[in-house]
Amino acid sequence: MTITVRYGAQRQQFGPAEGREVAVLDYTSQQLKLMPMLATCYALHFTAAFLVEQYTQAKRTKEEELVADVHSLSAGQLIKFSAWSLTLVAASINLLAWLLEILGFSLN
């Protein structure tokens, strides 16, 4: 994800006849493909950070209600979340590789 976004931001392509070329990431078609994946990466990151913080606090305070909340979040929801994110990752990897090839980035 990082490579694709950075490369798209740096890669200049086409543009007005008498002007500078435009960064590929400025094209709406690229944004529509990349931004939902980028937003999902941020959501996964902050969700994991929240869960780790809650777990750490539960271990430190041993508060029963907090322990129960952490357990329910990590046990029930995490399984659904993991299955969903693995499906998303598999689809995203293919799309990101395809976008890089279109932009001329060598994967070899």
PDB file of N, CA and C in Angstrom:
ATOM      1  N   MET A   1       0.832  -1.184   0.000  1.00  0.00           N
ATOM      2  CA  MET A   1       0.000   0.000   0.000  1.00  0.00           C
ATOM      3  C   MET A   1       0.880   1.252   0.000  1.00  0.00           C
ATOM      4  N   THR A   2       1.870   1.250   0.870  1.00  0.00           N
ATOM      5  CA  THR A   2       2.762   2.411   0.966  1.00  0.00           C
ATOM      6  C   THR A   2       3.482   2.667  -0.348  1.00  0.00           C
ATOM      7  N   ILE A   3       3.981   1.605  -0.959  1.00  0.00           N
ATOM      8  CA  ILE A   3       4.720   1.756  -2.215  1.00  0.00           C
ATOM      9  C   ILE A   3       3.809   2.329  -3.293  1.00  0.00           C
ATOM     10  N   THR A   4       2.600   1.811  -3.389  1.00  0.00           N
ATOM     11  CA  THR A   4       1.684   2.267  -4.434  1.00  0.00           C
ATOM     12  C   THR A   4       1.297   3.730  -4.247  1.00  0.00           C
ATOM     13  N   VAL A   5       0.993   4.131  -3.029  1.00  0.00           N
ATOM     14  CA  VAL A   5       0.596   5.521  -2.783  1.00  0.00           C
ATOM     15  C   VAL A   5       1.777   6.465  -3.024  1.00  0.00           C
ATOM     16  N   ARG A   6       2.941   6.112  -2.521  1.00  0.00           N
ATOM     17  CA  ARG A   6       4.111   6.980  -2.735  1.00  0.00           C
ATOM     18  C   ARG A   6       4.484   7.080  -4.207  1.00  0.00           C
ATOM     19  N   TYR A   7       4.465   5.941  -4.876  1.00  0.00           N
ATOM     20  CA  TYR A   7       4.812   5.955  -6.299  1.00  0.00           C
ATOM     21  C   TYR A   7       3.792   6.756  -7.094  1.00  0.00           C
ATOM     22  N   GLY A   8       2.513   6.605  -6.758  1.00  0.00           N
ATOM     23  CA  GLY A   8       1.465   7.370  -7.434  1.00  0.00           C
ATOM     24  C   GLY A   8       1.590   8.859  -7.190  1.00  0.00           C
ATOM     25  N   ALA A   9       2.076   9.235  -6.019  1.00  0.00           N
ATOM     26  CA  ALA A   9       2.258  10.657  -5.709  1.00  0.00           C
ATOM     27  C   ALA A   9       3.463  11.243  -6.436  1.00  0.00           C
ATOM     28  N   GLN A  10       4.491  10.429  -6.660  1.00  0.00           N
ATOM     29  CA  GLN A  10       5.700  10.928  -7.310  1.00  0.00           C
ATOM     30  C   GLN A  10       5.657  10.838  -8.826  1.00  0.00           C
ATOM     31  N   ARG A  11       4.981   9.840  -9.341  1.00  0.00           N
ATOM     32  CA  ARG A  11       4.952   9.595 -10.785  1.00  0.00           C
ATOM     33  C   ARG A  11       4.141  10.672 -11.492  1.00  0.00           C
ATOM     34  N   GLN A  12       4.766  11.352 -12.429  1.00  0.00           N
ATOM     35  CA  GLN A  12       4.116  12.399 -13.219  1.00  0.00           C
ATOM     36  C   GLN A  12       3.715  11.799 -14.568  1.00  0.00           C
ATOM     37  N   GLN A  13       2.492  12.107 -14.994  1.00  0.00           N
ATOM     38  CA  GLN A  13       2.035  11.517 -16.240  1.00  0.00           C
ATOM     39  C   GLN A  13       0.991  12.426 -16.882  1.00  0.00           C
ATOM     40  N   PHE A  14       1.151  12.681 -18.153  1.00  0.00           N
ATOM     41  CA  PHE A  14       0.223  13.477 -18.950  1.00  0.00           C
ATOM     42  C   PHE A  14       0.077  14.882 -18.372  1.00  0.00           C
ATOM     43  N   GLY A  15      -1.036  15.511 -18.588  1.00  0.00           N
ATOM     44  CA  GLY A  15      -1.275  16.864 -18.117  1.00  0.00           C
ATOM     45  C   GLY A  15      -1.655  17.771 -19.266  1.00  0.00           C
ATOM     46  N   PRO A  16      -1.855  19.042 -18.960  1.00  0.00           N
ATOM     47  CA  PRO A  16      -2.228  19.998 -20.014  1.00  0.00           C
ATOM     48  C   PRO A  16      -1.105  20.145 -21.046  1.00  0.00           C
ATOM     49  N   ALA A  17      -1.492  20.539 -22.247  1.00  0.00           N
ATOM     50  CA  ALA A  17      -0.533  20.634 -23.354  1.00  0.00           C
ATOM     51  C   ALA A  17       0.621  21.595 -23.052  1.00  0.00           C
ATOM     52  N   GLU A  18       0.329  22.697 -22.399  1.00  0.00           N
ATOM     53  CA  GLU A  18       1.370  23.692 -22.146  1.00  0.00           C
ATOM     54  C   GLU A  18       1.745  23.779 -20.667  1.00  0.00           C
ATOM     55  N   GLY A  19       1.369  22.790 -19.891  1.00  0.00           N
ATOM     56  CA  GLY A  19       1.660  22.845 -18.463  1.00  0.00           C
ATOM     57  C   GLY A  19       2.496  21.665 -18.001  1.00  0.00           C
ATOM     58  N   ARG A  20       2.646  21.596 -16.717  1.00  0.00           N
ATOM     59  CA  ARG A  20       3.402  20.499 -16.114  1.00  0.00           C
ATOM     60  C   ARG A  20       2.562  19.231 -16.122  1.00  0.00           C
ATOM     61  N   GLU A  21       3.253  18.104 -16.067  1.00  0.00           N
ATOM     62  CA  GLU A  21       2.550  16.838 -15.964  1.00  0.00           C
ATOM     63  C   GLU A  21       1.907  16.734 -14.584  1.00  0.00           C
ATOM     64  N   VAL A  22       0.900  15.896 -14.484  1.00  0.00           N
ATOM     65  CA  VAL A  22       0.115  15.756 -13.260  1.00  0.00           C
ATOM     66  C   VAL A  22       0.520  14.475 -12.551  1.00  0.00           C
ATOM     67  N   ALA A  23       0.588  14.533 -11.233  1.00  0.00           N
ATOM     68  CA  ALA A  23       0.866  13.323 -10.451  1.00  0.00           C
ATOM     69  C   ALA A  23      -0.270  12.333 -10.652  1.00  0.00           C
ATOM     70  N   VAL A  24       0.073  11.066 -10.796  1.00  0.00           N
ATOM     71  CA  VAL A  24      -0.932  10.036 -11.052  1.00  0.00           C
ATOM     72  C   VAL A  24      -1.953   9.980  -9.920  1.00  0.00           C
ATOM     73  N   LEU A  25      -1.526  10.222  -8.712  1.00  0.00           N
ATOM     74  CA  LEU A  25      -2.424  10.164  -7.559  1.00  0.00           C
ATOM     75  C   LEU A  25      -3.483  11.273  -7.611  1.00  0.00           C
ATOM     76  N   ASP A  26      -3.261  12.298  -8.418  1.00  0.00           N
ATOM     77  CA  ASP A  26      -4.251  13.366  -8.556  1.00  0.00           C
ATOM     78  C   ASP A  26      -5.434  12.962  -9.431  1.00  0.00           C
ATOM     79  N   TYR A  27      -5.302  11.884 -10.163  1.00  0.00           N
ATOM     80  CA  TYR A  27      -6.407  11.414 -11.001  1.00  0.00           C
ATOM     81  C   TYR A  27      -7.483  10.757 -10.138  1.00  0.00           C
ATOM     82  N   THR A  28      -8.712  11.081 -10.410  1.00  0.00           N
ATOM     83  CA  THR A  28      -9.847  10.561  -9.638  1.00  0.00           C
ATOM     84  C   THR A  28      -9.913   9.040  -9.687  1.00  0.00           C
ATOM     85  N   SER A  29      -9.602   8.454 -10.839  1.00  0.00           N
ATOM     86  CA  SER A  29      -9.670   6.993 -10.957  1.00  0.00           C
ATOM     87  C   SER A  29      -8.693   6.312  -9.995  1.00  0.00           C
ATOM     88  N   GLN A  30      -7.524   6.895  -9.833  1.00  0.00           N
ATOM     89  CA  GLN A  30      -6.554   6.338  -8.886  1.00  0.00           C
ATOM     90  C   GLN A  30      -7.016   6.530  -7.445  1.00  0.00           C
ATOM     91  N   GLN A  31      -7.556   7.689  -7.169  1.00  0.00           N
ATOM     92  CA  GLN A  31      -8.043   7.968  -5.817  1.00  0.00           C
ATOM     93  C   GLN A  31      -9.189   7.039  -5.439  1.00  0.00           C
ATOM     94  N   LEU A  32     -10.080   6.761  -6.392  1.00  0.00           N
ATOM     95  CA  LEU A  32     -11.214   5.880  -6.106  1.00  0.00           C
ATOM     96  C   LEU A  32     -10.762   4.454  -5.811  1.00  0.00           C
ATOM     97  N   LYS A  33      -9.630   4.049  -6.360  1.00  0.00           N
ATOM     98  CA  LYS A  33      -9.113   2.716  -6.097  1.00  0.00           C
ATOM     99  C   LYS A  33      -8.279   2.662  -4.815  1.00  0.00           C
ATOM    100  N   LEU A  34      -7.479   3.683  -4.586  1.00  0.00           N
ATOM    101  CA  LEU A  34      -6.520   3.639  -3.476  1.00  0.00           C
ATOM    102  C   LEU A  34      -7.070   4.137  -2.133  1.00  0.00           C
ATOM    103  N   MET A  35      -7.874   5.181  -2.152  1.00  0.00           N
ATOM    104  CA  MET A  35      -8.300   5.787  -0.880  1.00  0.00           C
ATOM    105  C   MET A  35      -9.147   4.873   0.002  1.00  0.00           C
ATOM    106  N   PRO A  36     -10.062   4.069  -0.547  1.00  0.00           N
ATOM    107  CA  PRO A  36     -10.782   3.148   0.341  1.00  0.00           C
ATOM    108  C   PRO A  36      -9.849   2.147   1.025  1.00  0.00           C
ATOM    109  N   MET A  37      -8.835   1.676   0.278  1.00  0.00           N
ATOM    110  CA  MET A  37      -7.874   0.747   0.889  1.00  0.00           C
ATOM    111  C   MET A  37      -7.035   1.451   1.948  1.00  0.00           C
ATOM    112  N   LEU A  38      -6.634   2.678   1.674  1.00  0.00           N
ATOM    113  CA  LEU A  38      -5.844   3.435   2.636  1.00  0.00           C
ATOM    114  C   LEU A  38      -6.648   3.714   3.903  1.00  0.00           C
ATOM    115  N   ALA A  39      -7.915   4.075   3.731  1.00  0.00           N
ATOM    116  CA  ALA A  39      -8.791   4.312   4.887  1.00  0.00           C
ATOM    117  C   ALA A  39      -8.963   3.033   5.704  1.00  0.00           C
ATOM    118  N   THR A  40      -9.071   1.902   5.033  1.00  0.00           N
ATOM    119  CA  THR A  40      -9.205   0.628   5.731  1.00  0.00           C
ATOM    120  C   THR A  40      -7.940   0.302   6.511  1.00  0.00           C
ATOM    121  N   CYS A  41      -6.784   0.594   5.933  1.00  0.00           N
ATOM    122  CA  CYS A  41      -5.522   0.373   6.653  1.00  0.00           C
ATOM    123  C   CYS A  41      -5.476   1.196   7.940  1.00  0.00           C
ATOM    124  N   TYR A  42      -5.888   2.454   7.846  1.00  0.00           N
ATOM    125  CA  TYR A  42      -5.932   3.286   9.048  1.00  0.00           C
ATOM    126  C   TYR A  42      -6.931   2.748  10.063  1.00  0.00           C
ATOM    127  N   ALA A  43      -8.091   2.303   9.598  1.00  0.00           N
ATOM    128  CA  ALA A  43      -9.098   1.751  10.510  1.00  0.00           C
ATOM    129  C   ALA A  43      -8.577   0.505  11.217  1.00  0.00           C
ATOM    130  N   LEU A  44      -7.919  -0.371  10.484  1.00  0.00           N
ATOM    131  CA  LEU A  44      -7.349  -1.575  11.091  1.00  0.00           C
ATOM    132  C   LEU A  44      -6.277  -1.223  12.107  1.00  0.00           C
ATOM    133  N   HIS A  45      -5.443  -0.248  11.765  1.00  0.00           N
ATOM    134  CA  HIS A  45      -4.370   0.168  12.672  1.00  0.00           C
ATOM    135  C   HIS A  45      -4.925   0.713  13.987  1.00  0.00           C
ATOM    136  N   PHE A  46      -5.879   1.630  13.891  1.00  0.00           N
ATOM    137  CA  PHE A  46      -6.407   2.252  15.103  1.00  0.00           C
ATOM    138  C   PHE A  46      -7.271   1.294  15.916  1.00  0.00           C
ATOM    139  N   THR A  47      -7.940   0.363  15.252  1.00  0.00           N
ATOM    140  CA  THR A  47      -8.706  -0.650  15.977  1.00  0.00           C
ATOM    141  C   THR A  47      -7.773  -1.551  16.772  1.00  0.00           C
ATOM    142  N   ALA A  48      -6.698  -1.980  16.145  1.00  0.00           N
ATOM    143  CA  ALA A  48      -5.719  -2.823  16.838  1.00  0.00           C
ATOM    144  C   ALA A  48      -5.073  -2.069  18.004  1.00  0.00           C
ATOM    145  N   ALA A  49      -4.740  -0.808  17.787  1.00  0.00           N
ATOM    146  CA  ALA A  49      -4.134  -0.009  18.854  1.00  0.00           C
ATOM    147  C   ALA A  49      -5.091   0.153  20.035  1.00  0.00           C
ATOM    148  N   PHE A  50      -6.376   0.378  19.739  1.00  0.00           N
ATOM    149  CA  PHE A  50      -7.377   0.506  20.793  1.00  0.00           C
ATOM    150  C   PHE A  50      -7.495  -0.789  21.584  1.00  0.00           C
ATOM    151  N   LEU A  51      -7.529  -1.905  20.889  1.00  0.00           N
ATOM    152  CA  LEU A  51      -7.663  -3.197  21.561  1.00  0.00           C
ATOM    153  C   LEU A  51      -6.450  -3.500  22.435  1.00  0.00           C
ATOM    154  N   VAL A  52      -5.270  -3.183  21.966  1.00  0.00           N
ATOM    155  CA  VAL A  52      -4.053  -3.381  22.767  1.00  0.00           C
ATOM    156  C   VAL A  52      -4.080  -2.490  24.004  1.00  0.00           C
ATOM    157  N   GLU A  53      -4.512  -1.249  23.828  1.00  0.00           N
ATOM    158  CA  GLU A  53      -4.599  -0.321  24.965  1.00  0.00           C
ATOM    159  C   GLU A  53      -5.598  -0.828  26.007  1.00  0.00           C
ATOM    160  N   GLN A  54      -6.756  -1.293  25.545  1.00  0.00           N
ATOM    161  CA  GLN A  54      -7.766  -1.818  26.473  1.00  0.00           C
ATOM    162  C   GLN A  54      -7.257  -3.062  27.180  1.00  0.00           C
ATOM    163  N   TYR A  55      -6.567  -3.925  26.463  1.00  0.00           N
ATOM    164  CA  TYR A  55      -6.012  -5.141  27.059  1.00  0.00           C
ATOM    165  C   TYR A  55      -4.977  -4.792  28.121  1.00  0.00           C
ATOM    166  N   THR A  56      -4.107  -3.848  27.821  1.00  0.00           N
ATOM    167  CA  THR A  56      -3.087  -3.425  28.778  1.00  0.00           C
ATOM    168  C   THR A  56      -3.723  -2.854  30.035  1.00  0.00           C
ATOM    169  N   GLN A  57      -4.735  -2.030  29.853  1.00  0.00           N
ATOM    170  CA  GLN A  57      -5.431  -1.452  31.003  1.00  0.00           C
ATOM    171  C   GLN A  57      -6.150  -2.532  31.815  1.00  0.00           C
ATOM    172  N   ALA A  58      -6.753  -3.495  31.138  1.00  0.00           N
ATOM    173  CA  ALA A  58      -7.452  -4.582  31.835  1.00  0.00           C
ATOM    174  C   ALA A  58      -6.477  -5.421  32.650  1.00  0.00           C
ATOM    175  N   LYS A  59      -5.299  -5.690  32.103  1.00  0.00           N
ATOM    176  CA  LYS A  59      -4.287  -6.453  32.836  1.00  0.00           C
ATOM    177  C   LYS A  59      -3.769  -5.675  34.045  1.00  0.00           C
ATOM    178  N   ARG A  60      -3.653  -4.353  33.891  1.00  0.00           N
ATOM    179  CA  ARG A  60      -3.114  -3.524  34.953  1.00  0.00           C
ATOM    180  C   ARG A  60      -4.117  -3.349  36.097  1.00  0.00           C
ATOM    181  N   THR A  61      -5.379  -3.074  35.753  1.00  0.00           N
ATOM    182  CA  THR A  61      -6.371  -2.768  36.790  1.00  0.00           C
ATOM    183  C   THR A  61      -7.141  -3.990  37.269  1.00  0.00           C
ATOM    184  N   LYS A  62      -7.174  -5.035  36.443  1.00  0.00           N
ATOM    185  CA  LYS A  62      -7.932  -6.249  36.747  1.00  0.00           C
ATOM    186  C   LYS A  62      -9.415  -5.965  37.027  1.00  0.00           C
ATOM    187  N   GLU A  63      -9.923  -4.919  36.413  1.00  0.00           N
ATOM    188  CA  GLU A  63     -11.327  -4.549  36.532  1.00  0.00           C
ATOM    189  C   GLU A  63     -12.164  -5.550  35.727  1.00  0.00           C
ATOM    190  N   GLU A  64     -13.117  -6.204  36.388  1.00  0.00           N
ATOM    191  CA  GLU A  64     -13.849  -7.306  35.773  1.00  0.00           C
ATOM    192  C   GLU A  64     -14.649  -6.873  34.541  1.00  0.00           C
ATOM    193  N   GLU A  65     -15.281  -5.719  34.608  1.00  0.00           N
ATOM    194  CA  GLU A  65     -16.079  -5.262  33.474  1.00  0.00           C
ATOM    195  C   GLU A  65     -15.192  -4.994  32.257  1.00  0.00           C
ATOM    196  N   LEU A  66     -14.041  -4.400  32.476  1.00  0.00           N
ATOM    197  CA  LEU A  66     -13.110  -4.112  31.386  1.00  0.00           C
ATOM    198  C   LEU A  66     -12.542  -5.404  30.810  1.00  0.00           C
ATOM    199  N   VAL A  67     -12.235  -6.358  31.676  1.00  0.00           N
ATOM    200  CA  VAL A  67     -11.738  -7.657  31.205  1.00  0.00           C
ATOM    201  C   VAL A  67     -12.787  -8.336  30.327  1.00  0.00           C
ATOM    202  N   ALA A  68     -14.053  -8.255  30.745  1.00  0.00           N
ATOM    203  CA  ALA A  68     -15.137  -8.848  29.953  1.00  0.00           C
ATOM    204  C   ALA A  68     -15.283  -8.152  28.603  1.00  0.00           C
ATOM    205  N   ASP A  69     -15.159  -6.828  28.586  1.00  0.00           N
ATOM    206  CA  ASP A  69     -15.239  -6.081  27.325  1.00  0.00           C
ATOM    207  C   ASP A  69     -14.114  -6.475  26.376  1.00  0.00           C
ATOM    208  N   VAL A  70     -12.903  -6.544  26.914  1.00  0.00           N
ATOM    209  CA  VAL A  70     -11.751  -6.913  26.092  1.00  0.00           C
ATOM    210  C   VAL A  70     -11.922  -8.336  25.560  1.00  0.00           C
ATOM    211  N   HIS A  71     -12.413  -9.217  26.412  1.00  0.00           N
ATOM    212  CA  HIS A  71     -12.611 -10.600  25.988  1.00  0.00           C
ATOM    213  C   HIS A  71     -13.638 -10.678  24.856  1.00  0.00           C
ATOM    214  N   SER A  72     -14.744  -9.974  25.002  1.00  0.00           N
ATOM    215  CA  SER A  72     -15.771 -10.029  23.955  1.00  0.00           C
ATOM    216  C   SER A  72     -15.285  -9.405  22.653  1.00  0.00           C
ATOM    217  N   LEU A  73     -14.529  -8.314  22.763  1.00  0.00           N
ATOM    218  CA  LEU A  73     -13.987  -7.692  21.559  1.00  0.00           C
ATOM    219  C   LEU A  73     -12.971  -8.599  20.861  1.00  0.00           C
ATOM    220  N   SER A  74     -12.097  -9.180  21.648  1.00  0.00           N
ATOM    221  CA  SER A  74     -11.022  -9.971  21.055  1.00  0.00           C
ATOM    222  C   SER A  74     -11.487 -11.350  20.607  1.00  0.00           C
ATOM    223  N   ALA A  75     -12.472 -11.925  21.268  1.00  0.00           N
ATOM    224  CA  ALA A  75     -12.903 -13.277  20.914  1.00  0.00           C
ATOM    225  C   ALA A  75     -13.921 -13.267  19.780  1.00  0.00           C
ATOM    226  N   GLY A  76     -15.077 -12.678  20.002  1.00  0.00           N
ATOM    227  CA  GLY A  76     -16.151 -12.737  19.013  1.00  0.00           C
ATOM    228  C   GLY A  76     -15.922 -11.866  17.810  1.00  0.00           C
ATOM    229  N   GLN A  77     -15.652 -10.615  18.036  1.00  0.00           N
ATOM    230  CA  GLN A  77     -15.532  -9.670  16.933  1.00  0.00           C
ATOM    231  C   GLN A  77     -14.238  -9.842  16.157  1.00  0.00           C
ATOM    232  N   LEU A  78     -13.191 -10.267  16.838  1.00  0.00           N
ATOM    233  CA  LEU A  78     -11.899 -10.394  16.172  1.00  0.00           C
ATOM    234  C   LEU A  78     -11.924 -11.473  15.100  1.00  0.00           C
ATOM    235  N   ILE A  79     -12.674 -12.537  15.311  1.00  0.00           N
ATOM    236  CA  ILE A  79     -12.758 -13.597  14.313  1.00  0.00           C
ATOM    237  C   ILE A  79     -13.426 -13.069  13.046  1.00  0.00           C
ATOM    238  N   LYS A  80     -14.542 -12.375  13.210  1.00  0.00           N
ATOM    239  CA  LYS A  80     -15.220 -11.789  12.054  1.00  0.00           C
ATOM    240  C   LYS A  80     -14.320 -10.752  11.378  1.00  0.00           C
ATOM    241  N   PHE A  81     -13.682  -9.934  12.186  1.00  0.00           N
ATOM    242  CA  PHE A  81     -12.810  -8.876  11.701  1.00  0.00           C
ATOM    243  C   PHE A  81     -11.636  -9.465  10.928  1.00  0.00           C
ATOM    244  N   SER A  82     -11.049 -10.540  11.442  1.00  0.00           N
ATOM    245  CA  SER A  82      -9.902 -11.170  10.783  1.00  0.00           C
ATOM    246  C   SER A  82     -10.294 -11.760   9.438  1.00  0.00           C
ATOM    247  N   ALA A  83     -11.417 -12.445   9.397  1.00  0.00           N
ATOM    248  CA  ALA A  83     -11.871 -13.032   8.132  1.00  0.00           C
ATOM    249  C   ALA A  83     -12.135 -11.941   7.103  1.00  0.00           C
ATOM    250  N   TRP A  84     -12.781 -10.868   7.529  1.00  0.00           N
ATOM    251  CA  TRP A  84     -13.079  -9.767   6.627  1.00  0.00           C
ATOM    252  C   TRP A  84     -11.794  -9.117   6.130  1.00  0.00           C
ATOM    253  N   SER A  85     -10.842  -8.867   7.036  1.00  0.00           N
ATOM    254  CA  SER A  85      -9.618  -8.174   6.637  1.00  0.00           C
ATOM    255  C   SER A  85      -8.745  -9.046   5.740  1.00  0.00           C
ATOM    256  N   LEU A  86      -8.734 -10.374   5.953  1.00  0.00           N
ATOM    257  CA  LEU A  86      -7.958 -11.247   5.072  1.00  0.00           C
ATOM    258  C   LEU A  86      -8.521 -11.238   3.654  1.00  0.00           C
ATOM    259  N   THR A  87      -9.825 -11.243   3.541  1.00  0.00           N
ATOM    260  CA  THR A  87     -10.465 -11.166   2.226  1.00  0.00           C
ATOM    261  C   THR A  87     -10.104  -9.848   1.548  1.00  0.00           C
ATOM    262  N   LEU A  88     -10.158  -8.769   2.315  1.00  0.00           N
ATOM    263  CA  LEU A  88      -9.819  -7.449   1.786  1.00  0.00           C
ATOM    264  C   LEU A  88      -8.357  -7.384   1.362  1.00  0.00           C
ATOM    265  N   VAL A  89      -7.469  -7.936   2.173  1.00  0.00           N
ATOM    266  CA  VAL A  89      -6.042  -7.903   1.863  1.00  0.00           C
ATOM    267  C   VAL A  89      -5.754  -8.668   0.575  1.00  0.00           C
ATOM    268  N   ALA A  90      -6.363  -9.829   0.427  1.00  0.00           N
ATOM    269  CA  ALA A  90      -6.136 -10.619  -0.786  1.00  0.00           C
ATOM    270  C   ALA A  90      -6.560  -9.850  -2.035  1.00  0.00           C
ATOM    271  N   ALA A  91      -7.720  -9.213  -1.976  1.00  0.00           N
ATOM    272  CA  ALA A  91      -8.195  -8.428  -3.119  1.00  0.00           C
ATOM    273  C   ALA A  91      -7.317  -7.195  -3.337  1.00  0.00           C
ATOM    274  N   SER A  92      -6.883  -6.585  -2.258  1.00  0.00           N
ATOM    275  CA  SER A  92      -6.080  -5.361  -2.353  1.00  0.00           C
ATOM    276  C   SER A  92      -4.713  -5.622  -2.961  1.00  0.00           C
ATOM    277  N   ILE A  93      -4.093  -6.735  -2.603  1.00  0.00           N
ATOM    278  CA  ILE A  93      -2.762  -7.038  -3.138  1.00  0.00           C
ATOM    279  C   ILE A  93      -2.804  -7.141  -4.655  1.00  0.00           C
ATOM    280  N   ASN A  94      -3.817  -7.819  -5.162  1.00  0.00           N
ATOM    281  CA  ASN A  94      -3.945  -7.931  -6.617  1.00  0.00           C
ATOM    282  C   ASN A  94      -4.159  -6.564  -7.271  1.00  0.00           C
ATOM    283  N   LEU A  95      -5.018  -5.759  -6.684  1.00  0.00           N
ATOM    284  CA  LEU A  95      -5.289  -4.442  -7.247  1.00  0.00           C
ATOM    285  C   LEU A  95      -4.053  -3.549  -7.184  1.00  0.00           C
ATOM    286  N   LEU A  96      -3.338  -3.572  -6.076  1.00  0.00           N
ATOM    287  CA  LEU A  96      -2.146  -2.734  -5.941  1.00  0.00           C
ATOM    288  C   LEU A  96      -1.072  -3.147  -6.937  1.00  0.00           C
ATOM    289  N   ALA A  97      -0.876  -4.442  -7.115  1.00  0.00           N
ATOM    290  CA  ALA A  97       0.111  -4.904  -8.098  1.00  0.00           C
ATOM    291  C   ALA A  97      -0.282  -4.466  -9.501  1.00  0.00           C
ATOM    292  N   TRP A  98      -1.567  -4.556  -9.807  1.00  0.00           N
ATOM    293  CA  TRP A  98      -2.059  -4.132 -11.117  1.00  0.00           C
ATOM    294  C   TRP A  98      -1.830  -2.634 -11.328  1.00  0.00           C
ATOM    295  N   LEU A  99      -2.122  -1.831 -10.290  1.00  0.00           N
ATOM    296  CA  LEU A  99      -1.922  -0.380 -10.415  1.00  0.00           C
ATOM    297  C   LEU A  99      -0.449  -0.046 -10.619  1.00  0.00           C
ATOM    298  N   LEU A 100       0.425  -0.738  -9.910  1.00  0.00           N
ATOM    299  CA  LEU A 100       1.853  -0.481 -10.075  1.00  0.00           C
ATOM    300  C   LEU A 100       2.318  -0.836 -11.477  1.00  0.00           C
ATOM    301  N   GLU A 101       1.810  -1.933 -12.028  1.00  0.00           N
ATOM    302  CA  GLU A 101       2.197  -2.307 -13.386  1.00  0.00           C
ATOM    303  C   GLU A 101       1.732  -1.257 -14.389  1.00  0.00           C
ATOM    304  N   ILE A 102       0.523  -0.755 -14.216  1.00  0.00           N
ATOM    305  CA  ILE A 102       0.001   0.277 -15.113  1.00  0.00           C
ATOM    306  C   ILE A 102       0.873   1.533 -15.047  1.00  0.00           C
ATOM    307  N   LEU A 103       1.349   1.858 -13.851  1.00  0.00           N
ATOM    308  CA  LEU A 103       2.156   3.065 -13.685  1.00  0.00           C
ATOM    309  C   LEU A 103       3.594   2.872 -14.160  1.00  0.00           C
ATOM    310  N   GLY A 104       3.958   1.646 -14.503  1.00  0.00           N
ATOM    311  CA  GLY A 104       5.317   1.404 -15.013  1.00  0.00           C
ATOM    312  C   GLY A 104       6.312   1.011 -13.945  1.00  0.00           C
ATOM    313  N   PHE A 105       5.847   0.658 -12.765  1.00  0.00           N
ATOM    314  CA  PHE A 105       6.744   0.241 -11.683  1.00  0.00           C
ATOM    315  C   PHE A 105       7.122  -1.213 -11.914  1.00  0.00           C
ATOM    316  N   SER A 106       8.396  -1.516 -11.872  1.00  0.00           N
ATOM    317  CA  SER A 106       8.855  -2.882 -12.102  1.00  0.00           C
ATOM    318  C   SER A 106       8.760  -3.692 -10.817  1.00  0.00           C
ATOM    319  N   LEU A 107       8.004  -4.793 -10.865  1.00  0.00           N
ATOM    320  CA  LEU A 107       7.842  -5.653  -9.704  1.00  0.00           C
ATOM    321  C   LEU A 107       8.948  -6.697  -9.623  1.00  0.00           C
ATOM    322  N   ASN A 108       9.792  -6.790 -10.625  1.00  0.00           N
ATOM    323  CA  ASN A 108      10.875  -7.781 -10.622  1.00  0.00           C
ATOM    324  C   ASN A 108      12.150  -7.208 -10.091  1.00  0.00           C
TER     325      ASN A 108
END
